[in-house]
Protein backbone atom coordinates (compact mmCIF):
# COMPACT_ATOMS: atom_id res chain seq x y z
CA MET A 1 83.56 96.39 104.88
CA TYR A 2 83.64 97.22 101.15
CA GLU A 3 86.08 94.44 100.30
CA GLU A 4 83.36 92.06 99.17
CA GLU A 5 81.94 94.67 96.81
CA ILE A 6 85.43 95.28 95.42
CA ARG A 7 86.04 91.54 94.94
CA LYS A 8 82.84 91.24 92.91
CA SER A 9 83.91 94.16 90.69
CA ILE A 10 87.42 92.88 89.92
CA THR A 11 86.44 91.02 86.76
CA SER A 12 84.23 93.80 85.44
CA GLU A 13 85.46 96.44 83.05
CA LYS A 14 84.11 99.10 85.40
CA LEU A 15 86.85 98.87 88.06
CA LEU A 16 89.66 101.41 87.76
CA ILE A 17 92.87 101.08 89.75
CA GLY A 18 95.33 103.81 90.63
CA ARG A 19 95.48 107.52 91.26
CA ASP A 20 96.09 108.72 87.69
CA GLU A 21 93.42 106.53 86.12
CA VAL A 22 90.82 107.44 88.74
CA LEU A 23 91.49 111.19 88.61
CA LYS A 24 91.41 111.20 84.79
CA ASN A 25 87.97 109.54 84.78
CA ILE A 26 86.68 111.80 87.56
CA ARG A 27 87.47 114.82 85.42
CA LYS A 28 85.48 113.23 82.59
CA GLY A 29 82.52 112.65 84.94
CA LEU A 30 82.52 108.87 84.55
CA ILE A 31 82.85 107.77 88.19
CA ALA A 32 80.08 106.49 90.49
CA LYS A 33 82.08 105.41 93.58
CA VAL A 34 85.63 105.76 94.83
CA TYR A 35 87.19 103.42 97.40
CA ILE A 36 90.23 104.62 99.31
CA ALA A 37 92.69 102.66 101.42
CA ALA A 38 92.97 103.31 105.15
CA ASN A 39 96.41 104.86 104.66
CA CYS A 40 95.61 106.85 101.52
CA PRO A 41 97.86 109.94 101.13
CA LYS A 42 96.26 113.09 102.55
CA ASP A 43 96.71 115.13 99.35
CA LEU A 44 94.88 112.49 97.31
CA LEU A 45 92.10 112.30 99.89
CA ASP A 46 91.70 116.09 99.77
CA ASP A 47 91.52 116.05 95.96
CA LEU A 48 88.93 113.26 95.95
CA THR A 49 86.80 115.03 98.56
CA ALA A 50 86.83 118.25 96.55
CA TYR A 51 85.96 116.46 93.30
CA SER A 52 83.16 114.50 95.00
CA LYS A 53 81.47 117.73 96.07
CA ILE A 54 81.55 118.94 92.48
CA SER A 55 80.73 115.70 90.64
CA GLY A 56 78.51 114.01 93.21
CA PHE A 57 80.17 110.59 93.47
CA GLU A 58 80.65 108.68 96.74
CA VAL A 59 84.02 108.45 98.47
CA LEU A 60 84.07 105.29 100.59
CA ALA A 61 86.91 104.67 103.03
CA THR A 62 87.92 101.05 103.57
CA LYS A 63 89.56 99.84 106.76
CA VAL A 64 92.20 98.03 104.72
CA PRO A 65 95.70 99.50 104.18
CA ASN A 66 96.97 99.93 100.63
CA ASP A 67 99.16 96.81 100.59
CA GLU A 68 96.24 94.60 101.62
CA LEU A 69 93.95 96.35 99.13
CA GLY A 70 96.37 95.25 96.42
CA ALA A 71 96.01 91.67 97.66
CA VAL A 72 92.20 91.97 97.68
CA CYS A 73 92.39 92.99 94.00
CA LYS A 74 94.86 90.16 93.29
CA LYS A 75 97.60 92.59 92.28
CA PRO A 76 101.28 92.35 93.29
CA PHE A 77 101.44 96.03 94.29
CA SER A 78 99.85 98.46 96.74
CA ILE A 79 96.64 100.25 95.75
CA SER A 80 95.56 103.49 97.44
CA VAL A 81 92.48 104.24 95.36
CA LEU A 82 89.93 102.31 93.28
CA ALA A 83 86.90 103.56 91.41
CA LEU A 84 83.77 102.14 89.81
CA LYS A 85 82.61 103.66 86.55
CA LYS A 86 78.97 104.62 86.04
């Protein structure tokens, strides 16, 4: 569903990959959208939901599990969360 949008953003400098990087930029207020894998850990999902209510960014759930999301991003590892900077 959102995979095509993610593929288009791969080459841009605005795509952030990984929990630590995404959460760090959320705290700075630099995030516009967050994409989460279908099997994203519950604690991370809860944190992102809470931050989205405060900061006003969108949390978009993909139907792709984290190992396939890594393949979509052309990375050799699993990815649970991605974000687009403003």
